[in-house]
PDB file of N, CA and C in Angstrom:
ATOM      1  N   MET A   1       1.068  -1.054  -0.131  1.00  0.00           N
ATOM      2  CA  MET A   1       0.114   0.104  -0.051  1.00  0.00           C
ATOM      3  C   MET A   1       0.842   1.408  -0.208  1.00  0.00           C
ATOM      4  N   ARG A   2       0.014   2.330  -0.786  1.00  0.00           N
ATOM      5  CA  ARG A   2       0.994   3.377  -0.955  1.00  0.00           C
ATOM      6  C   ARG A   2       1.160   3.889   0.195  1.00  0.00           C
ATOM      7  N   ASP A   3       2.097   4.910   0.635  1.00  0.00           N
ATOM      8  CA  ASP A   3       2.130   5.595   2.205  1.00  0.00           C
ATOM      9  C   ASP A   3       1.562   7.128   1.271  1.00  0.00           C
ATOM     10  N   ASP A   4       1.376   8.206   2.722  1.00  0.00           N
ATOM     11  CA  ASP A   4       0.957   9.459   2.024  1.00  0.00           C
ATOM     12  C   ASP A   4       2.347  10.290   1.858  1.00  0.00           C
ATOM     13  N   ARG A   5       3.566   9.913   1.531  1.00  0.00           N
ATOM     14  CA  ARG A   5       4.614  11.004   0.890  1.00  0.00           C
ATOM     15  C   ARG A   5       4.504  10.160  -0.154  1.00  0.00           C
ATOM     16  N   GLU A   6       4.347   8.857  -0.436  1.00  0.00           N
ATOM     17  CA  GLU A   6       4.593   8.490  -1.977  1.00  0.00           C
ATOM     18  C   GLU A   6       3.466   9.455  -2.721  1.00  0.00           C
ATOM     19  N   ARG A   7       1.729   9.684  -1.946  1.00  0.00           N
ATOM     20  CA  ARG A   7       0.884  10.004  -3.016  1.00  0.00           C
ATOM     21  C   ARG A   7       1.336  11.444  -3.404  1.00  0.00           C
ATOM     22  N   LEU A   8       2.044  12.365  -2.036  1.00  0.00           N
ATOM     23  CA  LEU A   8       2.518  13.292  -2.340  1.00  0.00           C
ATOM     24  C   LEU A   8       3.489  13.241  -3.446  1.00  0.00           C
ATOM     25  N   LEU A   9       4.437  12.259  -3.400  1.00  0.00           N
ATOM     26  CA  LEU A   9       5.150  12.583  -4.842  1.00  0.00           C
ATOM     27  C   LEU A   9       4.672  12.620  -5.843  1.00  0.00           C
ATOM     28  N   ASP A  10       3.692  11.359  -6.401  1.00  0.00           N
ATOM     29  CA  ASP A  10       2.535  11.335  -7.093  1.00  0.00           C
ATOM     30  C   ASP A  10       1.828  12.909  -7.493  1.00  0.00           C
ATOM     31  N   MET A  11       1.628  13.586  -6.608  1.00  0.00           N
ATOM     32  CA  MET A  11       1.095  14.910  -6.715  1.00  0.00           C
ATOM     33  C   MET A  11       2.104  16.283  -7.294  1.00  0.00           C
ATOM     34  N   ALA A  12       3.240  15.701  -7.180  1.00  0.00           N
ATOM     35  CA  ALA A  12       4.108  16.585  -7.073  1.00  0.00           C
ATOM     36  C   ALA A  12       4.771  16.475  -8.618  1.00  0.00           C
ATOM     37  N   GLN A  13       4.858  15.322  -9.019  1.00  0.00           N
ATOM     38  CA  GLN A  13       5.162  14.438 -10.435  1.00  0.00           C
ATOM     39  C   GLN A  13       4.146  15.122 -11.225  1.00  0.00           C
ATOM     40  N   ALA A  14       2.877  15.090 -10.761  1.00  0.00           N
ATOM     41  CA  ALA A  14       1.810  15.634 -11.690  1.00  0.00           C
ATOM     42  C   ALA A  14       1.952  16.825 -12.108  1.00  0.00           C
ATOM     43  N   ILE A  15       2.199  17.574 -11.479  1.00  0.00           N
ATOM     44  CA  ILE A  15       2.200  18.545 -11.179  1.00  0.00           C
ATOM     45  C   ILE A  15       3.415  19.541 -12.297  1.00  0.00           C
ATOM     46  N   GLU A  16       4.514  18.745 -12.102  1.00  0.00           N
ATOM     47  CA  GLU A  16       6.044  18.833 -12.952  1.00  0.00           C
ATOM     48  C   GLU A  16       5.513  18.627 -14.415  1.00  0.00           C
ATOM     49  N   GLU A  17       4.751  17.378 -14.616  1.00  0.00           N
ATOM     50  CA  GLU A  17       4.314  16.789 -15.975  1.00  0.00           C
ATOM     51  C   GLU A  17       3.572  17.964 -16.749  1.00  0.00           C
ATOM     52  N   ILE A  18       2.257  18.492 -15.913  1.00  0.00           N
ATOM     53  CA  ILE A  18       1.556  19.274 -16.540  1.00  0.00           C
ATOM     54  C   ILE A  18       2.189  20.726 -17.043  1.00  0.00           C
ATOM     55  N   GLY A  19       3.247  21.118 -15.875  1.00  0.00           N
ATOM     56  CA  GLY A  19       4.131  22.379 -16.731  1.00  0.00           C
ATOM     57  C   GLY A  19       4.809  22.377 -17.252  1.00  0.00           C
ATOM     58  N   LYS A  20       5.551  20.782 -18.158  1.00  0.00           N
ATOM     59  CA  LYS A  20       6.281  20.505 -18.982  1.00  0.00           C
ATOM     60  C   LYS A  20       6.190  20.967 -20.483  1.00  0.00           C
ATOM     61  N   HIS A  21       4.625  20.671 -20.268  1.00  0.00           N
ATOM     62  CA  HIS A  21       3.816  20.514 -21.867  1.00  0.00           C
ATOM     63  C   HIS A  21       2.639  21.614 -21.727  1.00  0.00           C
ATOM     64  N   LEU A  22       2.735  22.699 -20.896  1.00  0.00           N
ATOM     65  CA  LEU A  22       1.738  23.759 -21.011  1.00  0.00           C
ATOM     66  C   LEU A  22       2.477  24.474 -21.849  1.00  0.00           C
ATOM     67  N   VAL A  23       1.499  25.406 -22.539  1.00  0.00           N
ATOM     68  CA  VAL A  23       1.279  26.251 -23.694  1.00  0.00           C
ATOM     69  C   VAL A  23       1.279  27.420 -22.785  1.00  0.00           C
ATOM     70  N   PRO A  24       1.833  28.939 -23.438  1.00  0.00           N
ATOM     71  CA  PRO A  24       1.504  29.803 -22.614  1.00  0.00           C
ATOM     72  C   PRO A  24       0.383  31.066 -22.810  1.00  0.00           C
ATOM     73  N   SER A  25      -0.854  30.047 -23.673  1.00  0.00           N
ATOM     74  CA  SER A  25      -1.902  31.039 -23.788  1.00  0.00           C
ATOM     75  C   SER A  25      -2.981  30.400 -23.722  1.00  0.00           C
ATOM     76  N   LEU A  26      -4.582  30.680 -23.083  1.00  0.00           N
ATOM     77  CA  LEU A  26      -5.638  30.116 -23.421  1.00  0.00           C
ATOM     78  C   LEU A  26      -5.879  29.860 -24.961  1.00  0.00           C
ATOM     79  N   ASP A  27      -5.664  30.778 -25.668  1.00  0.00           N
ATOM     80  CA  ASP A  27      -5.687  30.330 -27.231  1.00  0.00           C
ATOM     81  C   ASP A  27      -5.388  29.114 -27.669  1.00  0.00           C
ATOM     82  N   GLU A  28      -3.884  28.934 -27.329  1.00  0.00           N
ATOM     83  CA  GLU A  28      -3.450  27.866 -27.757  1.00  0.00           C
ATOM     84  C   GLU A  28      -3.946  26.107 -27.053  1.00  0.00           C
ATOM     85  N   PHE A  29      -3.871  26.645 -25.711  1.00  0.00           N
ATOM     86  CA  PHE A  29      -4.516  26.091 -25.460  1.00  0.00           C
ATOM     87  C   PHE A  29      -5.632  24.907 -25.440  1.00  0.00           C
ATOM     88  N   GLU A  30      -7.203  26.083 -25.848  1.00  0.00           N
ATOM     89  CA  GLU A  30      -8.270  25.320 -26.277  1.00  0.00           C
ATOM     90  C   GLU A  30      -8.052  25.063 -27.828  1.00  0.00           C
ATOM     91  N   ARG A  31      -6.712  25.118 -28.455  1.00  0.00           N
ATOM     92  CA  ARG A  31      -6.678  24.637 -30.021  1.00  0.00           C
ATOM     93  C   ARG A  31      -6.087  23.297 -29.522  1.00  0.00           C
ATOM     94  N   ASP A  32      -5.345  23.072 -28.642  1.00  0.00           N
ATOM     95  CA  ASP A  32      -4.842  21.808 -28.649  1.00  0.00           C
ATOM     96  C   ASP A  32      -5.123  20.814 -27.850  1.00  0.00           C
ATOM     97  N   ARG A  33      -5.656  19.771 -28.196  1.00  0.00           N
ATOM     98  CA  ARG A  33      -6.657  18.755 -27.536  1.00  0.00           C
ATOM     99  C   ARG A  33      -5.494  17.977 -27.129  1.00  0.00           C
ATOM    100  N   LEU A  34      -4.687  17.881 -27.686  1.00  0.00           N
ATOM    101  CA  LEU A  34      -3.553  16.505 -26.946  1.00  0.00           C
ATOM    102  C   LEU A  34      -2.889  16.952 -25.355  1.00  0.00           C
ATOM    103  N   ARG A  35      -3.020  18.686 -25.502  1.00  0.00           N
ATOM    104  CA  ARG A  35      -2.019  18.954 -24.459  1.00  0.00           C
ATOM    105  C   ARG A  35      -3.371  19.089 -23.475  1.00  0.00           C
ATOM    106  N   GLN A  36      -4.552  19.082 -23.497  1.00  0.00           N
ATOM    107  CA  GLN A  36      -5.837  19.346 -22.947  1.00  0.00           C
ATOM    108  C   GLN A  36      -5.459  17.885 -21.929  1.00  0.00           C
ATOM    109  N   VAL A  37      -5.624  16.746 -23.340  1.00  0.00           N
ATOM    110  CA  VAL A  37      -5.700  15.380 -22.831  1.00  0.00           C
ATOM    111  C   VAL A  37      -4.562  15.337 -21.466  1.00  0.00           C
ATOM    112  N   TRP A  38      -3.350  15.580 -21.700  1.00  0.00           N
ATOM    113  CA  TRP A  38      -2.186  15.780 -21.103  1.00  0.00           C
ATOM    114  C   TRP A  38      -2.369  16.280 -19.641  1.00  0.00           C
ATOM    115  N   VAL A  39      -3.154  17.760 -19.419  1.00  0.00           N
ATOM    116  CA  VAL A  39      -3.611  18.317 -18.388  1.00  0.00           C
ATOM    117  C   VAL A  39      -4.269  17.539 -17.546  1.00  0.00           C
ATOM    118  N   ILE A  40      -5.509  16.656 -18.505  1.00  0.00           N
ATOM    119  CA  ILE A  40      -7.090  16.443 -17.596  1.00  0.00           C
ATOM    120  C   ILE A  40      -6.322  15.094 -16.640  1.00  0.00           C
ATOM    121  N   HIS A  41      -5.284  14.259 -17.668  1.00  0.00           N
ATOM    122  CA  HIS A  41      -4.624  13.062 -17.250  1.00  0.00           C
ATOM    123  C   HIS A  41      -3.738  13.415 -15.635  1.00  0.00           C
ATOM    124  N   HIS A  42      -3.139  14.278 -16.159  1.00  0.00           N
ATOM    125  CA  HIS A  42      -2.489  14.236 -14.635  1.00  0.00           C
ATOM    126  C   HIS A  42      -3.158  15.421 -13.234  1.00  0.00           C
ATOM    127  N   LEU A  43      -3.717  15.906 -13.665  1.00  0.00           N
ATOM    128  CA  LEU A  43      -5.025  16.190 -13.001  1.00  0.00           C
ATOM    129  C   LEU A  43      -5.991  15.082 -12.106  1.00  0.00           C
ATOM    130  N   GLN A  44      -6.264  14.379 -13.293  1.00  0.00           N
ATOM    131  CA  GLN A  44      -6.787  12.591 -12.508  1.00  0.00           C
ATOM    132  C   GLN A  44      -6.105  12.165 -11.519  1.00  0.00           C
ATOM    133  N   ILE A  45      -4.472  12.052 -11.486  1.00  0.00           N
ATOM    134  CA  ILE A  45      -3.625  11.667 -10.738  1.00  0.00           C
ATOM    135  C   ILE A  45      -3.593  12.447  -9.737  1.00  0.00           C
ATOM    136  N   MET A  46      -3.574  13.800  -9.904  1.00  0.00           N
ATOM    137  CA  MET A  46      -3.509  14.481  -8.285  1.00  0.00           C
ATOM    138  C   MET A  46      -4.697  14.028  -7.689  1.00  0.00           C
ATOM    139  N   GLY A  47      -5.901  14.259  -8.225  1.00  0.00           N
ATOM    140  CA  GLY A  47      -6.995  14.178  -7.355  1.00  0.00           C
ATOM    141  C   GLY A  47      -7.386  12.577  -6.982  1.00  0.00           C
ATOM    142  N   GLU A  48      -6.924  11.273  -7.527  1.00  0.00           N
ATOM    143  CA  GLU A  48      -6.742  10.088  -7.342  1.00  0.00           C
ATOM    144  C   GLU A  48      -5.765  10.284  -5.758  1.00  0.00           C
ATOM    145  N   ALA A  49      -4.418  10.915  -6.407  1.00  0.00           N
ATOM    146  CA  ALA A  49      -3.354  10.797  -5.065  1.00  0.00           C
ATOM    147  C   ALA A  49      -3.876  11.525  -3.362  1.00  0.00           C
ATOM    148  N   ALA A  50      -4.648  12.472  -3.702  1.00  0.00           N
ATOM    149  CA  ALA A  50      -5.326  13.430  -3.127  1.00  0.00           C
ATOM    150  C   ALA A  50      -6.092  13.076  -2.016  1.00  0.00           C
ATOM    151  N   ARG A  51      -7.201  11.777  -3.086  1.00  0.00           N
ATOM    152  CA  ARG A  51      -8.517  10.997  -2.197  1.00  0.00           C
ATOM    153  C   ARG A  51      -8.197  10.505  -1.508  1.00  0.00           C
ATOM    154  N   THR A  52      -6.706   9.265  -2.150  1.00  0.00           N
ATOM    155  CA  THR A  52      -6.441   8.023  -1.082  1.00  0.00           C
ATOM    156  C   THR A  52      -5.280   8.485   0.047  1.00  0.00           C
ATOM    157  N   LEU A  53      -5.223  10.053   0.352  1.00  0.00           N
ATOM    158  CA  LEU A  53      -4.374  10.189   1.676  1.00  0.00           C
ATOM    159  C   LEU A  53      -4.796   9.848   2.710  1.00  0.00           C
ATOM    160  N   SER A  54      -4.424   9.618   4.058  1.00  0.00           N
ATOM    161  CA  SER A  54      -5.113   9.038   4.856  1.00  0.00           C
ATOM    162  C   SER A  54      -5.981  10.316   5.409  1.00  0.00           C
ATOM    163  N   GLU A  55      -6.729   9.965   6.408  1.00  0.00           N
ATOM    164  CA  GLU A  55      -7.257  11.068   6.706  1.00  0.00           C
ATOM    165  C   GLU A  55      -7.534  11.889   7.799  1.00  0.00           C
ATOM    166  N   ALA A  56      -6.103  11.144   8.401  1.00  0.00           N
ATOM    167  CA  ALA A  56      -5.087  11.866   9.638  1.00  0.00           C
ATOM    168  C   ALA A  56      -4.219  12.860   8.907  1.00  0.00           C
ATOM    169  N   PHE A  57      -3.782  12.089   7.675  1.00  0.00           N
ATOM    170  CA  PHE A  57      -3.038  13.725   6.962  1.00  0.00           C
ATOM    171  C   PHE A  57      -3.634  14.952   6.638  1.00  0.00           C
ATOM    172  N   ARG A  58      -4.923  14.369   5.694  1.00  0.00           N
ATOM    173  CA  ARG A  58      -5.386  15.175   5.197  1.00  0.00           C
ATOM    174  C   ARG A  58      -6.164  16.190   6.134  1.00  0.00           C
ATOM    175  N   GLN A  59      -6.684  15.847   7.338  1.00  0.00           N
ATOM    176  CA  GLN A  59      -6.774  16.921   8.794  1.00  0.00           C
ATOM    177  C   GLN A  59      -5.745  17.470   9.436  1.00  0.00           C
ATOM    178  N   GLN A  60      -4.513  16.649   8.757  1.00  0.00           N
ATOM    179  CA  GLN A  60      -3.117  17.281   9.779  1.00  0.00           C
ATOM    180  C   GLN A  60      -2.906  18.706   8.712  1.00  0.00           C
ATOM    181  N   HIS A  61      -3.148  18.364   7.701  1.00  0.00           N
ATOM    182  CA  HIS A  61      -2.949  19.595   6.810  1.00  0.00           C
ATOM    183  C   HIS A  61      -3.646  20.283   6.163  1.00  0.00           C
ATOM    184  N   SER A  62      -4.971  20.688   6.582  1.00  0.00           N
ATOM    185  CA  SER A  62      -6.208  21.292   5.832  1.00  0.00           C
ATOM    186  C   SER A  62      -5.979  22.464   5.050  1.00  0.00           C
ATOM    187  N   GLU A  63      -5.097  22.843   4.913  1.00  0.00           N
ATOM    188  CA  GLU A  63      -4.852  24.186   4.514  1.00  0.00           C
ATOM    189  C   GLU A  63      -4.710  23.837   2.687  1.00  0.00           C
ATOM    190  N   VAL A  64      -3.984  22.643   2.715  1.00  0.00           N
ATOM    191  CA  VAL A  64      -4.292  22.159   0.846  1.00  0.00           C
ATOM    192  C   VAL A  64      -5.772  21.636   1.335  1.00  0.00           C
ATOM    193  N   PRO A  65      -6.326  22.370  -0.066  1.00  0.00           N
ATOM    194  CA  PRO A  65      -7.833  22.235  -0.773  1.00  0.00           C
ATOM    195  C   PRO A  65      -8.026  20.321  -1.084  1.00  0.00           C
ATOM    196  N   TRP A  66      -7.837  19.698  -0.252  1.00  0.00           N
ATOM    197  CA  TRP A  66      -7.992  18.087  -0.721  1.00  0.00           C
ATOM    198  C   TRP A  66      -9.194  17.749  -1.367  1.00  0.00           C
ATOM    199  N   SER A  67     -10.094  17.684  -0.890  1.00  0.00           N
ATOM    200  CA  SER A  67     -11.431  17.477  -1.029  1.00  0.00           C
ATOM    201  C   SER A  67     -11.621  18.538  -2.497  1.00  0.00           C
ATOM    202  N   ARG A  68     -11.435  19.545  -2.779  1.00  0.00           N
ATOM    203  CA  ARG A  68     -11.286  20.262  -4.279  1.00  0.00           C
ATOM    204  C   ARG A  68     -10.725  19.523  -5.249  1.00  0.00           C
ATOM    205  N   ILE A  69      -9.660  19.211  -4.857  1.00  0.00           N
ATOM    206  CA  ILE A  69      -8.675  18.279  -5.983  1.00  0.00           C
ATOM    207  C   ILE A  69      -9.184  16.888  -5.796  1.00  0.00           C
ATOM    208  N   ALA A  70      -9.739  16.537  -5.150  1.00  0.00           N
ATOM    209  CA  ALA A  70     -10.363  15.028  -5.282  1.00  0.00           C
ATOM    210  C   ALA A  70     -11.708  15.067  -6.382  1.00  0.00           C
ATOM    211  N   ALA A  71     -12.246  16.798  -5.802  1.00  0.00           N
ATOM    212  CA  ALA A  71     -13.854  16.651  -6.546  1.00  0.00           C
ATOM    213  C   ALA A  71     -13.430  16.895  -8.102  1.00  0.00           C
ATOM    214  N   LEU A  72     -12.035  17.719  -8.314  1.00  0.00           N
ATOM    215  CA  LEU A  72     -11.934  17.958  -9.617  1.00  0.00           C
ATOM    216  C   LEU A  72     -11.572  16.821 -10.541  1.00  0.00           C
ATOM    217  N   ARG A  73     -11.073  15.586 -10.034  1.00  0.00           N
ATOM    218  CA  ARG A  73     -10.626  14.194 -10.488  1.00  0.00           C
ATOM    219  C   ARG A  73     -12.167  13.600 -10.787  1.00  0.00           C
ATOM    220  N   HIS A  74     -12.960  13.622  -9.888  1.00  0.00           N
ATOM    221  CA  HIS A  74     -14.652  13.299  -9.765  1.00  0.00           C
ATOM    222  C   HIS A  74     -15.187  13.810 -11.401  1.00  0.00           C
ATOM    223  N   VAL A  75     -14.952  15.145 -11.421  1.00  0.00           N
ATOM    224  CA  VAL A  75     -15.231  15.506 -12.343  1.00  0.00           C
ATOM    225  C   VAL A  75     -14.734  15.430 -13.766  1.00  0.00           C
ATOM    226  N   LEU A  76     -13.416  15.304 -13.869  1.00  0.00           N
ATOM    227  CA  LEU A  76     -12.485  14.892 -14.929  1.00  0.00           C
ATOM    228  C   LEU A  76     -12.810  13.578 -15.437  1.00  0.00           C
ATOM    229  N   VAL A  77     -13.347  12.328 -14.736  1.00  0.00           N
ATOM    230  CA  VAL A  77     -13.838  11.108 -14.750  1.00  0.00           C
ATOM    231  C   VAL A  77     -14.932  11.227 -15.602  1.00  0.00           C
ATOM    232  N   HIS A  78     -15.803  11.094 -14.426  1.00  0.00           N
ATOM    233  CA  HIS A  78     -17.189  11.112 -14.678  1.00  0.00           C
ATOM    234  C   HIS A  78     -18.138  11.858 -15.560  1.00  0.00           C
ATOM    235  N   GLN A  79     -17.543  13.391 -15.852  1.00  0.00           N
ATOM    236  CA  GLN A  79     -18.307  14.122 -16.770  1.00  0.00           C
ATOM    237  C   GLN A  79     -17.204  14.833 -18.015  1.00  0.00           C
ATOM    238  N   TYR A  80     -16.799  13.954 -18.251  1.00  0.00           N
ATOM    239  CA  TYR A  80     -15.197  14.146 -19.384  1.00  0.00           C
ATOM    240  C   TYR A  80     -15.681  14.926 -20.789  1.00  0.00           C
ATOM    241  N   PHE A  81     -16.877  14.684 -20.981  1.00  0.00           N
ATOM    242  CA  PHE A  81     -17.485  15.526 -22.245  1.00  0.00           C
ATOM    243  C   PHE A  81     -17.982  16.566 -21.840  1.00  0.00           C
ATOM    244  N   ASP A  82     -18.477  16.795 -20.817  1.00  0.00           N
ATOM    245  CA  ASP A  82     -18.792  18.640 -20.294  1.00  0.00           C
ATOM    246  C   ASP A  82     -17.725  19.381 -19.896  1.00  0.00           C
ATOM    247  N   ILE A  83     -16.508  19.097 -19.433  1.00  0.00           N
ATOM    248  CA  ILE A  83     -14.937  19.535 -19.540  1.00  0.00           C
ATOM    249  C   ILE A  83     -15.037  20.736 -19.492  1.00  0.00           C
ATOM    250  N   ASP A  84     -14.905  22.053 -19.189  1.00  0.00           N
ATOM    251  CA  ASP A  84     -14.946  23.440 -19.836  1.00  0.00           C
ATOM    252  C   ASP A  84     -13.790  23.844 -19.415  1.00  0.00           C
ATOM    253  N   VAL A  85     -12.584  23.929 -20.972  1.00  0.00           N
ATOM    254  CA  VAL A  85     -11.557  24.234 -21.371  1.00  0.00           C
ATOM    255  C   VAL A  85     -11.099  25.505 -20.526  1.00  0.00           C
ATOM    256  N   ARG A  86     -11.671  26.329 -20.493  1.00  0.00           N
ATOM    257  CA  ARG A  86     -11.268  27.771 -19.989  1.00  0.00           C
ATOM    258  C   ARG A  86     -11.318  27.592 -18.457  1.00  0.00           C
ATOM    259  N   ALA A  87     -12.181  26.583 -17.881  1.00  0.00           N
ATOM    260  CA  ALA A  87     -12.096  26.522 -16.445  1.00  0.00           C
ATOM    261  C   ALA A  87     -11.225  25.723 -16.408  1.00  0.00           C
ATOM    262  N   LEU A  88     -10.632  24.626 -16.921  1.00  0.00           N
ATOM    263  CA  LEU A  88      -9.718  23.928 -16.701  1.00  0.00           C
ATOM    264  C   LEU A  88      -8.329  25.035 -16.939  1.00  0.00           C
ATOM    265  N   TRP A  89      -8.227  26.178 -17.676  1.00  0.00           N
ATOM    266  CA  TRP A  89      -7.095  26.490 -18.146  1.00  0.00           C
ATOM    267  C   TRP A  89      -6.849  27.473 -16.543  1.00  0.00           C
ATOM    268  N   ALA A  90      -8.000  27.700 -15.940  1.00  0.00           N
ATOM    269  CA  ALA A  90      -7.932  28.720 -14.685  1.00  0.00           C
ATOM    270  C   ALA A  90      -7.512  27.820 -13.362  1.00  0.00           C
ATOM    271  N   VAL A  91      -7.778  26.908 -13.533  1.00  0.00           N
ATOM    272  CA  VAL A  91      -7.429  26.069 -12.878  1.00  0.00           C
ATOM    273  C   VAL A  91      -6.270  25.372 -12.507  1.00  0.00           C
ATOM    274  N   VAL A  92      -5.037  25.114 -13.796  1.00  0.00           N
ATOM    275  CA  VAL A  92      -3.978  25.339 -13.835  1.00  0.00           C
ATOM    276  C   VAL A  92      -3.253  26.699 -13.863  1.00  0.00           C
ATOM    277  N   GLN A  93      -3.597  27.715 -14.476  1.00  0.00           N
ATOM    278  CA  GLN A  93      -3.533  28.772 -13.997  1.00  0.00           C
ATOM    279  C   GLN A  93      -3.145  29.530 -12.053  1.00  0.00           C
ATOM    280  N   GLN A  94      -4.360  29.309 -12.028  1.00  0.00           N
ATOM    281  CA  GLN A  94      -4.522  30.235 -10.756  1.00  0.00           C
ATOM    282  C   GLN A  94      -4.681  29.164  -9.440  1.00  0.00           C
ATOM    283  N   ASP A  95      -4.727  27.694  -9.564  1.00  0.00           N
ATOM    284  CA  ASP A  95      -4.791  27.133  -8.333  1.00  0.00           C
ATOM    285  C   ASP A  95      -3.815  26.037  -8.346  1.00  0.00           C
ATOM    286  N   LEU A  96      -3.090  25.644  -9.535  1.00  0.00           N
ATOM    287  CA  LEU A  96      -1.835  24.781  -9.447  1.00  0.00           C
ATOM    288  C   LEU A  96      -0.883  25.218  -8.816  1.00  0.00           C
ATOM    289  N   PRO A  97      -0.638  26.719  -9.115  1.00  0.00           N
ATOM    290  CA  PRO A  97       0.750  27.153  -8.382  1.00  0.00           C
ATOM    291  C   PRO A  97       0.744  26.900  -6.789  1.00  0.00           C
ATOM    292  N   LYS A  98      -0.224  27.318  -6.025  1.00  0.00           N
ATOM    293  CA  LYS A  98      -0.609  27.565  -4.709  1.00  0.00           C
ATOM    294  C   LYS A  98      -0.398  25.979  -4.160  1.00  0.00           C
ATOM    295  N   VAL A  99      -0.895  25.041  -5.051  1.00  0.00           N
ATOM    296  CA  VAL A  99      -1.023  23.504  -4.504  1.00  0.00           C
ATOM    297  C   VAL A  99       0.399  22.921  -4.339  1.00  0.00           C
ATOM    298  N   ARG A 100       1.341  23.855  -5.756  1.00  0.00           N
ATOM    299  CA  ARG A 100       2.546  22.965  -5.750  1.00  0.00           C
ATOM    300  C   ARG A 100       3.549  23.847  -5.041  1.00  0.00           C
ATOM    301  N   THR A 101       3.616  24.472  -4.365  1.00  0.00           N
ATOM    302  CA  THR A 101       3.979  25.149  -2.862  1.00  0.00           C
ATOM    303  C   THR A 101       3.059  24.328  -2.007  1.00  0.00           C
ATOM    304  N   GLN A 102       2.173  24.064  -1.626  1.00  0.00           N
ATOM    305  CA  GLN A 102       1.605  23.863  -0.249  1.00  0.00           C
ATOM    306  C   GLN A 102       2.520  21.770  -0.594  1.00  0.00           C
ATOM    307  N   ILE A 103       2.577  21.486  -1.436  1.00  0.00           N
ATOM    308  CA  ILE A 103       2.558  19.986  -2.023  1.00  0.00           C
ATOM    309  C   ILE A 103       4.937  19.994  -1.337  1.00  0.00           C
ATOM    310  N   ALA A 104       5.336  20.824  -2.037  1.00  0.00           N
ATOM    311  CA  ALA A 104       6.761  20.881  -1.910  1.00  0.00           C
ATOM    312  C   ALA A 104       7.051  21.248  -0.122  1.00  0.00           C
ATOM    313  N   GLN A 105       6.324  22.057   0.389  1.00  0.00           N
ATOM    314  CA  GLN A 105       6.618  22.512   1.525  1.00  0.00           C
ATOM    315  C   GLN A 105       6.245  21.148   2.539  1.00  0.00           C
ATOM    316  N   LEU A 106       5.068  20.254   2.374  1.00  0.00           N
ATOM    317  CA  LEU A 106       4.952  19.227   2.992  1.00  0.00           C
ATOM    318  C   LEU A 106       6.392  17.649   2.928  1.00  0.00           C
ATOM    319  N   LEU A 107       6.076  17.877   1.557  1.00  0.00           N
ATOM    320  CA  LEU A 107       7.491  16.741   1.058  1.00  0.00           C
ATOM    321  C   LEU A 107       9.020  17.513   1.346  1.00  0.00           C
ATOM    322  N   GLU A 108       9.106  18.237   2.494  1.00  0.00           N
ATOM    323  CA  GLU A 108      10.515  19.154   3.294  1.00  0.00           C
ATOM    324  C   GLU A 108      10.125  18.698   4.276  1.00  0.00           C
ATOM    325  N   GLU A 109       8.662  18.509   5.133  1.00  0.00           N
ATOM    326  CA  GLU A 109       8.702  18.032   6.472  1.00  0.00           C
ATOM    327  C   GLU A 109       9.054  16.409   6.907  1.00  0.00           C
ATOM    328  N   PRO A 110       9.882  16.106   7.548  1.00  0.00           N
ATOM    329  CA  PRO A 110      10.320  14.698   8.027  1.00  0.00           C
ATOM    330  C   PRO A 110       8.941  14.256   8.939  1.00  0.00           C
ATOM    331  N   GLY A 111       9.015  12.855   8.323  1.00  0.00           N
ATOM    332  CA  GLY A 111       8.286  11.941   9.311  1.00  0.00           C
ATOM    333  C   GLY A 111       6.596  12.214   9.399  1.00  0.00           C
ATOM    334  N   ASP A 112       5.869  12.707   7.764  1.00  0.00           N
ATOM    335  CA  ASP A 112       4.468  12.747   7.741  1.00  0.00           C
ATOM    336  C   ASP A 112       4.371  11.564   6.526  1.00  0.00           C
ATOM    337  N   ASP A 113       4.791  10.652   6.462  1.00  0.00           N
ATOM    338  CA  ASP A 113       4.079   9.170   6.340  1.00  0.00           C
ATOM    339  C   ASP A 113       3.454   8.687   7.231  1.00  0.00           C
TER     340      ASP A 113
END
């Protein structure tokens, strides 16, 4: 069974992968279906990792929006054909940088597994 630290590492890697192939503008993102799928896939990975963190860990680090991250995964998986690309772009541009910082800080803390 994967522990909380491994799940955080999954999330950090997913964020890194999103950043590797993100285009600089919403217009480009809207036109590039392959990049949209890339982002969606890695957000799903993040959501699954957030969903399966231990309850104790999530409560201990409640400043991170674990339930929102998991809820986004649910939407991406179950409402796939109704995904709003502009909303997806906003998540990546506005929410992901803060989550990236929060996860990096948690990974620096000793003994959180």
